């Protein structure tokens, strides 16, 4: 319930401004959100890469309930990848993107899994053009099955597609064994 309230509040420009400008919240937000617009992504990514780090960019948002919103999020990712590629930041996977399936349509009432899979494929194609990769994020345990199916299906065309698994799920060891193969990437998270 709290999670849904927070997500709803994040969609409100007024709530976002109020929370992100509050002195206490500003420090917390700055620890986890490096920039607020795609235009800022180049500078922050360049600073991190110049410091010898690899960068994962995630366009924040999930629980998309509208096909147009899923398409808009997909377009944001593709634009961001073109931008990172044009700036020379994505070469060799130095900067990649991480995508939440629910942000690109997984929970749409009609054809959610198909929509998410098609949108992630578009993002993967844009990443390939930019010289980098995509990692599919883990979300709630209720989306684990669909997420694994999407990743397994897309790896035929995008064998370097990464996947995040929640290590606390009983199924994690089996999922890891099924997804870990030469050239693939699996990242474990505590979630």
Protein backbone atom coordinates (compact mmCIF):
# COMPACT_ATOMS: atom_id res chain seq x y z
CA UNK A 1 0.00 0.00 0.00
CA UNK A 2 2.77 2.45 0.95
CA UNK A 3 4.66 1.57 -2.26
CA UNK A 4 1.60 2.42 -4.37
CA UNK A 5 1.12 5.71 -2.51
CA UNK A 6 4.76 6.64 -3.10
CA UNK A 7 4.52 5.76 -6.80
CA UNK A 8 1.36 7.84 -7.13
CA UNK A 9 3.06 10.76 -5.41
CA UNK A 10 6.04 10.43 -7.76
CA UNK A 11 3.70 11.09 -10.70
CA UNK A 12 2.71 14.44 -9.23
CA UNK A 13 4.92 17.34 -10.31
CA UNK A 14 3.90 19.27 -7.21
CA UNK A 15 4.70 16.40 -4.82
CA UNK A 16 8.01 15.73 -6.60
CA UNK A 17 9.02 19.40 -6.33
CA UNK A 18 8.01 19.61 -2.67
CA UNK A 19 9.86 16.45 -1.67
CA UNK A 20 13.00 16.99 -3.76
CA UNK A 21 13.43 20.58 -2.60
CA UNK A 22 12.99 19.89 1.12
CA UNK A 23 16.41 20.17 2.85
CA UNK A 24 16.31 16.70 4.44
CA UNK A 25 14.94 14.96 1.34
CA UNK A 26 17.32 16.72 -1.07
CA UNK A 27 20.32 14.89 0.41
CA UNK A 28 18.59 11.52 0.28
CA UNK A 29 17.39 12.05 -3.30
CA UNK A 30 20.86 13.18 -4.43
CA UNK A 31 22.40 9.92 -3.14
CA UNK A 32 20.23 7.84 -5.48
CA UNK A 33 19.22 10.09 -8.37
CA UNK A 34 22.17 11.52 -10.25
CA UNK A 35 20.14 13.76 -12.55
CA UNK A 36 16.58 14.78 -13.23
CA UNK A 37 16.62 15.04 -17.03
CA UNK A 38 18.19 13.14 -19.89
CA UNK A 39 20.05 16.30 -20.81
CA UNK A 40 22.09 15.95 -17.60
CA UNK A 41 22.92 12.29 -18.25
CA UNK A 42 25.98 12.98 -20.40
CA UNK A 43 27.81 15.13 -17.84
CA UNK A 44 27.19 12.84 -14.88
CA UNK A 45 27.95 9.70 -16.91
CA UNK A 46 31.17 11.24 -18.26
CA UNK A 47 32.31 12.17 -14.73
CA UNK A 48 31.70 8.61 -13.49
CA UNK A 49 33.34 6.99 -16.52
CA UNK A 50 36.34 9.33 -16.22
CA UNK A 51 36.64 8.17 -12.59
CA UNK A 52 36.98 4.58 -13.87
CA UNK A 53 33.41 3.47 -13.11
CA UNK A 54 30.80 1.82 -15.28
CA UNK A 55 27.39 3.48 -15.46
CA UNK A 56 23.90 2.02 -15.44
CA UNK A 57 21.12 4.44 -16.34
CA UNK A 58 17.56 3.75 -15.24
CA UNK A 59 14.68 5.96 -16.33
CA UNK A 60 12.67 5.98 -13.11
CA UNK A 61 9.08 4.85 -13.26
CA UNK A 62 7.15 1.65 -13.06
CA UNK A 63 3.61 0.34 -12.86
CA UNK A 64 2.71 1.77 -16.27
CA UNK A 65 -1.00 1.26 -16.86
CA UNK A 66 -1.40 2.97 -20.24
CA UNK A 67 0.01 1.79 -23.61
CA UNK A 68 0.92 5.37 -24.57
CA UNK A 69 2.90 5.77 -21.36
CA UNK A 70 4.74 2.48 -22.06
CA UNK A 71 5.57 3.75 -25.56
CA UNK A 72 6.76 7.09 -24.14
CA UNK A 73 9.06 5.37 -21.62
CA UNK A 74 10.46 3.20 -24.43
CA UNK A 75 11.08 6.31 -26.53
CA UNK A 76 12.89 7.96 -23.58
CA UNK A 77 15.22 4.96 -23.29
CA UNK A 78 15.91 4.90 -27.03
CA UNK A 79 16.60 8.64 -27.06
CA UNK A 80 18.86 8.36 -24.04
CA UNK A 81 20.82 5.56 -25.71
CA UNK A 82 21.24 7.62 -28.89
CA UNK A 83 22.44 10.52 -26.75
CA UNK A 84 24.93 8.38 -24.81
CA UNK A 85 26.14 6.83 -28.06
CA UNK A 86 26.59 10.19 -29.79
CA UNK A 87 28.63 11.40 -26.81
CA UNK A 88 30.85 8.30 -27.01
CA UNK A 89 29.85 7.21 -23.51
CA UNK A 90 28.23 3.87 -24.26
CA UNK A 91 31.06 2.32 -26.27
CA UNK A 92 32.03 -1.05 -24.88
CA UNK A 93 29.24 -1.01 -22.33
CA UNK A 94 30.75 1.78 -20.26
CA UNK A 95 27.23 3.21 -19.88
CA UNK A 96 24.27 0.88 -20.23
CA UNK A 97 20.58 1.04 -19.35
CA UNK A 98 18.49 -0.90 -16.88
CA UNK A 99 14.78 -1.38 -17.68
CA UNK A 100 11.88 -2.32 -15.45
CA UNK A 101 9.38 -4.46 -17.40
CA UNK A 102 6.44 -2.79 -15.65
CA UNK A 103 7.65 0.61 -16.91
CA UNK A 104 7.34 -0.55 -20.53
CA UNK A 105 3.99 -2.29 -20.27
CA UNK A 106 4.22 -5.61 -18.42
CA UNK A 107 1.15 -4.92 -16.30
CA UNK A 108 -1.06 -3.57 -19.05
CA UNK A 109 -4.43 -5.33 -18.86
CA UNK A 110 -4.27 -6.42 -22.51
CA UNK A 111 -1.13 -8.01 -23.98
CA UNK A 112 1.13 -6.73 -21.18
CA UNK A 113 3.86 -9.35 -21.56
CA UNK A 114 3.88 -8.98 -25.35
CA UNK A 115 4.00 -5.18 -25.13
CA UNK A 116 6.84 -5.22 -22.58
CA UNK A 117 8.79 -7.73 -24.66
CA UNK A 118 8.40 -5.67 -27.85
CA UNK A 119 9.37 -2.47 -26.05
CA UNK A 120 12.42 -4.04 -24.42
CA UNK A 121 13.43 -5.39 -27.86
CA UNK A 122 13.29 -1.81 -29.21
CA UNK A 123 15.48 -0.64 -26.34
CA UNK A 124 17.91 -3.52 -26.95
CA UNK A 125 18.16 -2.59 -30.63
CA UNK A 126 18.89 1.04 -29.68
CA UNK A 127 21.52 -0.18 -27.19
CA UNK A 128 23.15 -2.35 -29.84
CA UNK A 129 23.30 0.66 -32.18
CA UNK A 130 24.90 2.69 -29.36
CA UNK A 131 27.48 -0.02 -28.63
CA UNK A 132 26.15 -1.05 -25.24
CA UNK A 133 23.79 -3.40 -23.45
CA UNK A 134 20.53 -3.57 -21.52
CA UNK A 135 19.80 -5.19 -18.16
CA UNK A 136 16.23 -6.12 -17.24
CA UNK A 137 15.53 -5.21 -13.62
CA UNK A 138 13.95 -7.42 -11.00
CA UNK A 139 10.78 -6.06 -9.49
CA UNK A 140 8.11 -7.55 -7.27
CA UNK A 141 8.14 -11.33 -6.88
CA UNK A 142 4.82 -11.40 -8.76
CA UNK A 143 6.60 -10.31 -11.96
CA UNK A 144 9.52 -12.76 -11.72
CA UNK A 145 7.97 -15.43 -13.96
CA UNK A 146 7.01 -12.99 -16.72
CA UNK A 147 10.36 -11.18 -16.52
CA UNK A 148 12.29 -14.46 -16.91
CA UNK A 149 10.12 -15.44 -19.89
CA UNK A 150 10.72 -12.07 -21.57
CA UNK A 151 14.49 -12.29 -21.04
CA UNK A 152 14.65 -15.89 -22.28
CA UNK A 153 12.71 -14.98 -25.42
CA UNK A 154 14.73 -11.85 -26.19
CA UNK A 155 18.11 -13.49 -25.69
CA UNK A 156 17.67 -15.25 -29.02
CA UNK A 157 18.14 -11.88 -30.75
CA UNK A 158 20.04 -10.10 -27.96
CA UNK A 159 22.32 -12.71 -26.31
CA UNK A 160 24.03 -10.06 -24.16
CA UNK A 161 20.76 -9.03 -22.48
CA UNK A 162 21.37 -8.93 -18.75
CA UNK A 163 18.91 -9.81 -16.03
CA UNK A 164 18.60 -8.98 -12.35
CA UNK A 165 17.40 -11.71 -9.99
CA UNK A 166 16.17 -11.33 -6.44
CA UNK A 167 18.47 -13.54 -4.38
CA UNK A 168 15.92 -13.89 -1.59
CA UNK A 169 13.43 -15.79 -3.76
CA UNK A 170 13.46 -19.58 -3.45
CA UNK A 171 13.55 -19.83 -7.22
CA UNK A 172 16.69 -17.64 -7.54
CA UNK A 173 19.23 -20.48 -7.79
CA UNK A 174 17.25 -22.19 -10.56
CA UNK A 175 16.68 -18.92 -12.39
CA UNK A 176 20.37 -18.09 -12.14
CA UNK A 177 21.35 -21.49 -13.56
CA UNK A 178 18.83 -21.12 -16.40
CA UNK A 179 19.96 -17.61 -17.34
CA UNK A 180 23.72 -17.86 -16.78
CA UNK A 181 25.43 -18.91 -19.98
CA UNK A 182 28.50 -17.73 -21.86
CA UNK A 183 28.20 -14.06 -22.77
CA UNK A 184 25.18 -13.45 -20.57
CA UNK A 185 25.01 -11.28 -17.50
CA UNK A 186 23.08 -12.02 -14.31
CA UNK A 187 23.11 -9.61 -11.40
CA UNK A 188 21.78 -10.62 -7.98
CA UNK A 189 20.04 -8.13 -5.74
CA UNK A 190 18.83 -8.48 -2.18
CA UNK A 191 15.26 -7.33 -2.96
